[in-house]
Amino acid sequence: MFTTTVASARAEEAKTYQVTGPVIELTDSTITVQKDTDKWQIARSKGTKGIADVKVGDKVTIYYRMVATEVEVKSNAAAKPAKKDK
């Protein structure tokens, strides 16, 4: 049963994406790369692997996952209209 739980948790991880380009800015909390005409700013942490030797100008491939930081409900199509009293 423990093995099944671990397998299920792995299956639910967010998809990994990647972006490749030269580093144009590097801070303690972000790394920014140029991708065609777009600048991609990706958050990073002390635990980000491979960041120690990166410097501005290096061509890198960044692997990242999208993480929701907030959800704002715009409409609730599933909600039923309130009943009117007669």
PDB file of N, CA and C in Angstrom:
ATOM      1  N   MET A   1       0.819  -1.186   0.000  1.00  0.00           N
ATOM      2  CA  MET A   1       0.000   0.000   0.000  1.00  0.00           C
ATOM      3  C   MET A   1       0.863   1.251   0.000  1.00  0.00           C
ATOM      4  N   PHE A   2       1.968   1.264   0.701  1.00  0.00           N
ATOM      5  CA  PHE A   2       2.862   2.416   0.716  1.00  0.00           C
ATOM      6  C   PHE A   2       3.382   2.722  -0.678  1.00  0.00           C
ATOM      7  N   THR A   3       3.748   1.702  -1.440  1.00  0.00           N
ATOM      8  CA  THR A   3       4.244   1.886  -2.800  1.00  0.00           C
ATOM      9  C   THR A   3       3.192   2.552  -3.673  1.00  0.00           C
ATOM     10  N   THR A   4       1.945   2.159  -3.546  1.00  0.00           N
ATOM     11  CA  THR A   4       0.859   2.751  -4.322  1.00  0.00           C
ATOM     12  C   THR A   4       0.710   4.231  -4.001  1.00  0.00           C
ATOM     13  N   THR A   5       0.808   4.590  -2.731  1.00  0.00           N
ATOM     14  CA  THR A   5       0.696   5.984  -2.326  1.00  0.00           C
ATOM     15  C   THR A   5       1.809   6.818  -2.935  1.00  0.00           C
ATOM     16  N   VAL A   6       3.028   6.334  -2.911  1.00  0.00           N
ATOM     17  CA  VAL A   6       4.160   7.055  -3.489  1.00  0.00           C
ATOM     18  C   VAL A   6       3.971   7.218  -4.989  1.00  0.00           C
ATOM     19  N   ALA A   7       3.552   6.174  -5.672  1.00  0.00           N
ATOM     20  CA  ALA A   7       3.333   6.244  -7.114  1.00  0.00           C
ATOM     21  C   ALA A   7       2.253   7.257  -7.446  1.00  0.00           C
ATOM     22  N   SER A   8       1.190   7.308  -6.659  1.00  0.00           N
ATOM     23  CA  SER A   8       0.114   8.261  -6.894  1.00  0.00           C
ATOM     24  C   SER A   8       0.600   9.687  -6.704  1.00  0.00           C
ATOM     25  N   ALA A   9       1.405   9.929  -5.692  1.00  0.00           N
ATOM     26  CA  ALA A   9       1.919  11.271  -5.442  1.00  0.00           C
ATOM     27  C   ALA A   9       2.791  11.737  -6.595  1.00  0.00           C
ATOM     28  N   ARG A  10       3.612  10.867  -7.127  1.00  0.00           N
ATOM     29  CA  ARG A  10       4.469  11.235  -8.248  1.00  0.00           C
ATOM     30  C   ARG A  10       3.652  11.541  -9.490  1.00  0.00           C
ATOM     31  N   ALA A  11       2.591  10.802  -9.716  1.00  0.00           N
ATOM     32  CA  ALA A  11       1.764  10.997 -10.900  1.00  0.00           C
ATOM     33  C   ALA A  11       1.058  12.348 -10.870  1.00  0.00           C
ATOM     34  N   GLU A  12       0.855  12.915  -9.693  1.00  0.00           N
ATOM     35  CA  GLU A  12       0.138  14.171  -9.558  1.00  0.00           C
ATOM     36  C   GLU A  12       1.044  15.396  -9.544  1.00  0.00           C
ATOM     37  N   GLU A  13       2.356  15.238  -9.661  1.00  0.00           N
ATOM     38  CA  GLU A  13       3.251  16.389  -9.694  1.00  0.00           C
ATOM     39  C   GLU A  13       2.979  17.216 -10.938  1.00  0.00           C
ATOM     40  N   ALA A  14       3.207  18.515 -10.833  1.00  0.00           N
ATOM     41  CA  ALA A  14       3.002  19.405 -11.969  1.00  0.00           C
ATOM     42  C   ALA A  14       3.977  19.070 -13.085  1.00  0.00           C
ATOM     43  N   LYS A  15       3.543  19.297 -14.297  1.00  0.00           N
ATOM     44  CA  LYS A  15       4.364  19.041 -15.475  1.00  0.00           C
ATOM     45  C   LYS A  15       5.601  19.939 -15.447  1.00  0.00           C
ATOM     46  N   THR A  16       6.731  19.413 -15.902  1.00  0.00           N
ATOM     47  CA  THR A  16       7.967  20.189 -15.988  1.00  0.00           C
ATOM     48  C   THR A  16       8.088  20.791 -17.384  1.00  0.00           C
ATOM     49  N   TYR A  17       8.427  22.070 -17.437  1.00  0.00           N
ATOM     50  CA  TYR A  17       8.643  22.787 -18.688  1.00  0.00           C
ATOM     51  C   TYR A  17      10.100  23.208 -18.748  1.00  0.00           C
ATOM     52  N   GLN A  18      10.543  23.720 -19.901  1.00  0.00           N
ATOM     53  CA  GLN A  18      11.916  24.216 -19.997  1.00  0.00           C
ATOM     54  C   GLN A  18      11.970  25.420 -20.914  1.00  0.00           C
ATOM     55  N   VAL A  19      12.952  26.269 -20.658  1.00  0.00           N
ATOM     56  CA  VAL A  19      13.236  27.419 -21.511  1.00  0.00           C
ATOM     57  C   VAL A  19      14.752  27.524 -21.623  1.00  0.00           C
ATOM     58  N   THR A  20      15.243  27.803 -22.827  1.00  0.00           N
ATOM     59  CA  THR A  20      16.681  27.903 -23.073  1.00  0.00           C
ATOM     60  C   THR A  20      17.008  29.274 -23.643  1.00  0.00           C
ATOM     61  N   GLY A  21      18.094  29.852 -23.156  1.00  0.00           N
ATOM     62  CA  GLY A  21      18.550  31.137 -23.676  1.00  0.00           C
ATOM     63  C   GLY A  21      19.678  31.672 -22.829  1.00  0.00           C
ATOM     64  N   PRO A  22      20.250  32.806 -23.266  1.00  0.00           N
ATOM     65  CA  PRO A  22      21.320  33.419 -22.480  1.00  0.00           C
ATOM     66  C   PRO A  22      20.765  34.106 -21.230  1.00  0.00           C
ATOM     67  N   VAL A  23      21.514  34.021 -20.147  1.00  0.00           N
ATOM     68  CA  VAL A  23      21.132  34.690 -18.903  1.00  0.00           C
ATOM     69  C   VAL A  23      21.378  36.183 -19.080  1.00  0.00           C
ATOM     70  N   ILE A  24      20.335  36.994 -18.844  1.00  0.00           N
ATOM     71  CA  ILE A  24      20.504  38.441 -18.958  1.00  0.00           C
ATOM     72  C   ILE A  24      20.457  39.141 -17.606  1.00  0.00           C
ATOM     73  N   GLU A  25      19.951  38.433 -16.591  1.00  0.00           N
ATOM     74  CA  GLU A  25      19.946  38.987 -15.236  1.00  0.00           C
ATOM     75  C   GLU A  25      19.886  37.845 -14.235  1.00  0.00           C
ATOM     76  N   LEU A  26      20.577  38.028 -13.116  1.00  0.00           N
ATOM     77  CA  LEU A  26      20.642  37.012 -12.077  1.00  0.00           C
ATOM     78  C   LEU A  26      20.590  37.709 -10.726  1.00  0.00           C
ATOM     79  N   THR A  27      19.584  37.362  -9.908  1.00  0.00           N
ATOM     80  CA  THR A  27      19.487  37.910  -8.557  1.00  0.00           C
ATOM     81  C   THR A  27      19.415  36.749  -7.568  1.00  0.00           C
ATOM     82  N   ASP A  28      19.329  37.075  -6.288  1.00  0.00           N
ATOM     83  CA  ASP A  28      19.207  36.029  -5.265  1.00  0.00           C
ATOM     84  C   ASP A  28      17.911  35.239  -5.399  1.00  0.00           C
ATOM     85  N   SER A  29      16.895  35.839  -6.014  1.00  0.00           N
ATOM     86  CA  SER A  29      15.592  35.173  -6.080  1.00  0.00           C
ATOM     87  C   SER A  29      15.095  34.881  -7.495  1.00  0.00           C
ATOM     88  N   THR A  30      15.778  35.384  -8.532  1.00  0.00           N
ATOM     89  CA  THR A  30      15.325  35.149  -9.908  1.00  0.00           C
ATOM     90  C   THR A  30      16.493  34.923 -10.859  1.00  0.00           C
ATOM     91  N   ILE A  31      16.171  34.293 -11.987  1.00  0.00           N
ATOM     92  CA  ILE A  31      17.094  34.187 -13.110  1.00  0.00           C
ATOM     93  C   ILE A  31      16.281  34.576 -14.341  1.00  0.00           C
ATOM     94  N   THR A  32      16.820  35.462 -15.166  1.00  0.00           N
ATOM     95  CA  THR A  32      16.115  35.938 -16.351  1.00  0.00           C
ATOM     96  C   THR A  32      16.908  35.557 -17.584  1.00  0.00           C
ATOM     97  N   VAL A  33      16.219  34.920 -18.547  1.00  0.00           N
ATOM     98  CA  VAL A  33      16.854  34.549 -19.809  1.00  0.00           C
ATOM     99  C   VAL A  33      16.112  35.203 -20.962  1.00  0.00           C
ATOM    100  N   GLN A  34      16.839  35.412 -22.058  1.00  0.00           N
ATOM    101  CA  GLN A  34      16.257  35.963 -23.280  1.00  0.00           C
ATOM    102  C   GLN A  34      15.851  34.801 -24.171  1.00  0.00           C
ATOM    103  N   LYS A  35      14.590  34.737 -24.542  1.00  0.00           N
ATOM    104  CA  LYS A  35      14.067  33.697 -25.447  1.00  0.00           C
ATOM    105  C   LYS A  35      13.432  34.429 -26.620  1.00  0.00           C
ATOM    106  N   ASP A  36      14.136  34.427 -27.760  1.00  0.00           N
ATOM    107  CA  ASP A  36      13.703  35.203 -28.920  1.00  0.00           C
ATOM    108  C   ASP A  36      13.568  36.667 -28.498  1.00  0.00           C
ATOM    109  N   THR A  37      12.375  37.251 -28.613  1.00  0.00           N
ATOM    110  CA  THR A  37      12.204  38.654 -28.218  1.00  0.00           C
ATOM    111  C   THR A  37      11.641  38.793 -26.804  1.00  0.00           C
ATOM    112  N   ASP A  38      11.401  37.667 -26.135  1.00  0.00           N
ATOM    113  CA  ASP A  38      10.812  37.685 -24.796  1.00  0.00           C
ATOM    114  C   ASP A  38      11.866  37.488 -23.713  1.00  0.00           C
ATOM    115  N   LYS A  39      11.627  38.132 -22.566  1.00  0.00           N
ATOM    116  CA  LYS A  39      12.459  37.922 -21.383  1.00  0.00           C
ATOM    117  C   LYS A  39      11.674  37.028 -20.430  1.00  0.00           C
ATOM    118  N   TRP A  40      12.274  35.919 -20.042  1.00  0.00           N
ATOM    119  CA  TRP A  40      11.642  34.967 -19.127  1.00  0.00           C
ATOM    120  C   TRP A  40      12.280  35.105 -17.755  1.00  0.00           C
ATOM    121  N   GLN A  41      11.524  35.583 -16.780  1.00  0.00           N
ATOM    122  CA  GLN A  41      12.011  35.703 -15.411  1.00  0.00           C
ATOM    123  C   GLN A  41      11.424  34.551 -14.601  1.00  0.00           C
ATOM    124  N   ILE A  42      12.301  33.723 -14.073  1.00  0.00           N
ATOM    125  CA  ILE A  42      11.899  32.533 -13.329  1.00  0.00           C
ATOM    126  C   ILE A  42      12.385  32.672 -11.885  1.00  0.00           C
ATOM    127  N   ALA A  43      11.494  32.393 -10.931  1.00  0.00           N
ATOM    128  CA  ALA A  43      11.882  32.423  -9.519  1.00  0.00           C
ATOM    129  C   ALA A  43      12.837  31.276  -9.231  1.00  0.00           C
ATOM    130  N   ARG A  44      13.761  31.507  -8.307  1.00  0.00           N
ATOM    131  CA  ARG A  44      14.686  30.456  -7.892  1.00  0.00           C
ATOM    132  C   ARG A  44      14.885  30.535  -6.387  1.00  0.00           C
ATOM    133  N   SER A  45      15.422  29.465  -5.823  1.00  0.00           N
ATOM    134  CA  SER A  45      15.668  29.424  -4.385  1.00  0.00           C
ATOM    135  C   SER A  45      17.084  28.920  -4.140  1.00  0.00           C
ATOM    136  N   LYS A  46      17.473  28.876  -2.884  1.00  0.00           N
ATOM    137  CA  LYS A  46      18.795  28.348  -2.538  1.00  0.00           C
ATOM    138  C   LYS A  46      18.916  26.884  -2.922  1.00  0.00           C
ATOM    139  N   GLY A  47      17.783  26.196  -3.035  1.00  0.00           N
ATOM    140  CA  GLY A  47      17.780  24.786  -3.391  1.00  0.00           C
ATOM    141  C   GLY A  47      17.789  24.516  -4.893  1.00  0.00           C
ATOM    142  N   THR A  48      17.788  25.569  -5.710  1.00  0.00           N
ATOM    143  CA  THR A  48      17.798  25.376  -7.160  1.00  0.00           C
ATOM    144  C   THR A  48      19.108  24.720  -7.571  1.00  0.00           C
ATOM    145  N   LYS A  49      19.019  23.586  -8.256  1.00  0.00           N
ATOM    146  CA  LYS A  49      20.213  22.829  -8.650  1.00  0.00           C
ATOM    147  C   LYS A  49      20.947  23.518  -9.795  1.00  0.00           C
ATOM    148  N   GLY A  50      22.276  23.462  -9.775  1.00  0.00           N
ATOM    149  CA  GLY A  50      23.107  23.923 -10.875  1.00  0.00           C
ATOM    150  C   GLY A  50      23.290  25.417 -10.983  1.00  0.00           C
ATOM    151  N   ILE A  51      22.797  26.189 -10.036  1.00  0.00           N
ATOM    152  CA  ILE A  51      22.827  27.648 -10.146  1.00  0.00           C
ATOM    153  C   ILE A  51      24.158  28.256  -9.698  1.00  0.00           C
ATOM    154  N   ALA A  52      24.945  27.539  -8.932  1.00  0.00           N
ATOM    155  CA  ALA A  52      26.155  28.088  -8.316  1.00  0.00           C
ATOM    156  C   ALA A  52      27.141  28.675  -9.321  1.00  0.00           C
ATOM    157  N   ASP A  53      27.299  28.053 -10.486  1.00  0.00           N
ATOM    158  CA  ASP A  53      28.297  28.510 -11.449  1.00  0.00           C
ATOM    159  C   ASP A  53      27.728  29.371 -12.573  1.00  0.00           C
ATOM    160  N   VAL A  54      26.446  29.685 -12.527  1.00  0.00           N
ATOM    161  CA  VAL A  54      25.810  30.459 -13.601  1.00  0.00           C
ATOM    162  C   VAL A  54      26.159  31.930 -13.463  1.00  0.00           C
ATOM    163  N   LYS A  55      26.441  32.561 -14.608  1.00  0.00           N
ATOM    164  CA  LYS A  55      26.696  34.002 -14.621  1.00  0.00           C
ATOM    165  C   LYS A  55      26.004  34.622 -15.826  1.00  0.00           C
ATOM    166  N   VAL A  56      25.808  35.924 -15.793  1.00  0.00           N
ATOM    167  CA  VAL A  56      25.180  36.647 -16.900  1.00  0.00           C
ATOM    168  C   VAL A  56      25.964  36.366 -18.172  1.00  0.00           C
ATOM    169  N   GLY A  57      25.238  36.062 -19.249  1.00  0.00           N
ATOM    170  CA  GLY A  57      25.856  35.744 -20.534  1.00  0.00           C
ATOM    171  C   GLY A  57      25.897  34.260 -20.836  1.00  0.00           C
ATOM    172  N   ASP A  58      25.841  33.414 -19.806  1.00  0.00           N
ATOM    173  CA  ASP A  58      25.836  31.962 -20.019  1.00  0.00           C
ATOM    174  C   ASP A  58      24.545  31.537 -20.709  1.00  0.00           C
ATOM    175  N   LYS A  59      24.646  30.598 -21.647  1.00  0.00           N
ATOM    176  CA  LYS A  59      23.453  29.996 -22.239  1.00  0.00           C
ATOM    177  C   LYS A  59      23.054  28.837 -21.336  1.00  0.00           C
ATOM    178  N   VAL A  60      21.800  28.857 -20.880  1.00  0.00           N
ATOM    179  CA  VAL A  60      21.322  27.847 -19.942  1.00  0.00           C
ATOM    180  C   VAL A  60      19.973  27.291 -20.390  1.00  0.00           C
ATOM    181  N   THR A  61      19.647  26.131 -19.884  1.00  0.00           N
ATOM    182  CA  THR A  61      18.297  25.586 -19.993  1.00  0.00           C
ATOM    183  C   THR A  61      17.743  25.510 -18.584  1.00  0.00           C
ATOM    184  N   ILE A  62      16.604  26.146 -18.368  1.00  0.00           N
ATOM    185  CA  ILE A  62      15.955  26.158 -17.061  1.00  0.00           C
ATOM    186  C   ILE A  62      14.766  25.207 -17.110  1.00  0.00           C
ATOM    187  N   TYR A  63      14.698  24.317 -16.148  1.00  0.00           N
ATOM    188  CA  TYR A  63      13.563  23.408 -16.006  1.00  0.00           C
ATOM    189  C   TYR A  63      12.717  23.941 -14.856  1.00  0.00           C
ATOM    190  N   TYR A  64      11.431  24.112 -15.097  1.00  0.00           N
ATOM    191  CA  TYR A  64      10.570  24.720 -14.083  1.00  0.00           C
ATOM    192  C   TYR A  64       9.182  24.089 -14.103  1.00  0.00           C
ATOM    193  N   ARG A  65       8.439  24.330 -13.019  1.00  0.00           N
ATOM    194  CA  ARG A  65       7.042  23.913 -12.912  1.00  0.00           C
ATOM    195  C   ARG A  65       6.203  25.145 -12.629  1.00  0.00           C
ATOM    196  N   MET A  66       5.008  25.166 -13.175  1.00  0.00           N
ATOM    197  CA  MET A  66       4.084  26.266 -12.888  1.00  0.00           C
ATOM    198  C   MET A  66       3.381  25.973 -11.572  1.00  0.00           C
ATOM    199  N   VAL A  67       3.327  26.980 -10.704  1.00  0.00           N
ATOM    200  CA  VAL A  67       2.710  26.827  -9.395  1.00  0.00           C
ATOM    201  C   VAL A  67       1.735  27.981  -9.188  1.00  0.00           C
ATOM    202  N   ALA A  68       0.505  27.668  -8.862  1.00  0.00           N
ATOM    203  CA  ALA A  68      -0.486  28.709  -8.600  1.00  0.00           C
ATOM    204  C   ALA A  68      -0.155  29.396  -7.281  1.00  0.00           C
ATOM    205  N   THR A  69      -0.194  30.723  -7.274  1.00  0.00           N
ATOM    206  CA  THR A  69       0.016  31.477  -6.042  1.00  0.00           C
ATOM    207  C   THR A  69      -1.282  32.076  -5.527  1.00  0.00           C
ATOM    208  N   GLU A  70      -2.298  32.140  -6.395  1.00  0.00           N
ATOM    209  CA  GLU A  70      -3.604  32.664  -6.002  1.00  0.00           C
ATOM    210  C   GLU A  70      -4.628  32.236  -7.044  1.00  0.00           C
ATOM    211  N   VAL A  71      -5.838  32.010  -6.601  1.00  0.00           N
ATOM    212  CA  VAL A  71      -6.939  31.690  -7.509  1.00  0.00           C
ATOM    213  C   VAL A  71      -8.070  32.658  -7.213  1.00  0.00           C
ATOM    214  N   GLU A  72      -8.540  33.352  -8.233  1.00  0.00           N
ATOM    215  CA  GLU A  72      -9.642  34.295  -8.091  1.00  0.00           C
ATOM    216  C   GLU A  72     -10.814  33.788  -8.918  1.00  0.00           C
ATOM    217  N   VAL A  73     -11.939  33.537  -8.275  1.00  0.00           N
ATOM    218  CA  VAL A  73     -13.120  33.033  -8.964  1.00  0.00           C
ATOM    219  C   VAL A  73     -13.828  34.201  -9.638  1.00  0.00           C
ATOM    220  N   LYS A  74     -14.048  34.083 -10.948  1.00  0.00           N
ATOM    221  CA  LYS A  74     -14.717  35.137 -11.711  1.00  0.00           C
ATOM    222  C   LYS A  74     -16.208  34.871 -11.847  1.00  0.00           C
ATOM    223  N   SER A  75     -16.592  33.620 -11.981  1.00  0.00           N
ATOM    224  CA  SER A  75     -18.008  33.264 -12.049  1.00  0.00           C
ATOM    225  C   SER A  75     -18.164  31.854 -11.509  1.00  0.00           C
ATOM    226  N   ASN A  76     -19.349  31.563 -11.088  1.00  0.00           N
ATOM    227  CA  ASN A  76     -19.613  30.240 -10.552  1.00  0.00           C
ATOM    228  C   ASN A  76     -20.767  29.642 -11.338  1.00  0.00           C
ATOM    229  N   ALA A  77     -20.470  29.071 -12.486  1.00  0.00           N
ATOM    230  CA  ALA A  77     -21.487  28.509 -13.370  1.00  0.00           C
ATOM    231  C   ALA A  77     -22.239  27.360 -12.712  1.00  0.00           C
ATOM    232  N   ALA A  78     -21.638  26.679 -11.769  1.00  0.00           N
ATOM    233  CA  ALA A  78     -22.268  25.532 -11.123  1.00  0.00           C
ATOM    234  C   ALA A  78     -23.275  25.947 -10.049  1.00  0.00           C
ATOM    235  N   ALA A  79     -23.206  27.189  -9.613  1.00  0.00           N
ATOM    236  CA  ALA A  79     -24.108  27.644  -8.555  1.00  0.00           C
ATOM    237  C   ALA A  79     -25.533  27.757  -9.088  1.00  0.00           C
ATOM    238  N   LYS A  80     -26.485  27.348  -8.261  1.00  0.00           N
ATOM    239  CA  LYS A  80     -27.890  27.442  -8.647  1.00  0.00           C
ATOM    240  C   LYS A  80     -28.434  28.781  -8.169  1.00  0.00           C
ATOM    241  N   PRO A  81     -29.329  29.385  -8.935  1.00  0.00           N
ATOM    242  CA  PRO A  81     -29.908  30.658  -8.487  1.00  0.00           C
ATOM    243  C   PRO A  81     -30.705  30.464  -7.196  1.00  0.00           C
ATOM    244  N   ALA A  82     -30.718  31.474  -6.375  1.00  0.00           N
ATOM    245  CA  ALA A  82     -31.451  31.408  -5.109  1.00  0.00           C
ATOM    246  C   ALA A  82     -32.944  31.292  -5.386  1.00  0.00           C
ATOM    247  N   LYS A  83     -33.645  30.529  -4.537  1.00  0.00           N
ATOM    248  CA  LYS A  83     -35.094  30.381  -4.687  1.00  0.00           C
ATOM    249  C   LYS A  83     -35.784  31.644  -4.208  1.00  0.00           C
ATOM    250  N   LYS A  84     -36.806  32.043  -4.943  1.00  0.00           N
ATOM    251  CA  LYS A  84     -37.584  33.219  -4.553  1.00  0.00           C
ATOM    252  C   LYS A  84     -38.742  32.776  -3.674  1.00  0.00           C
ATOM    253  N   ASP A  85     -38.982  33.509  -2.590  1.00  0.00           N
ATOM    254  CA  ASP A  85     -40.124  33.220  -1.719  1.00  0.00           C
ATOM    255  C   ASP A  85     -41.381  33.772  -2.366  1.00  0.00           C
ATOM    256  N   LYS A  86     -42.475  33.013  -2.292  1.00  0.00           N
ATOM    257  CA  LYS A  86     -43.742  33.463  -2.887  1.00  0.00           C
ATOM    258  C   LYS A  86     -44.678  33.929  -1.829  1.00  0.00           C
TER     259      LYS A  86
END
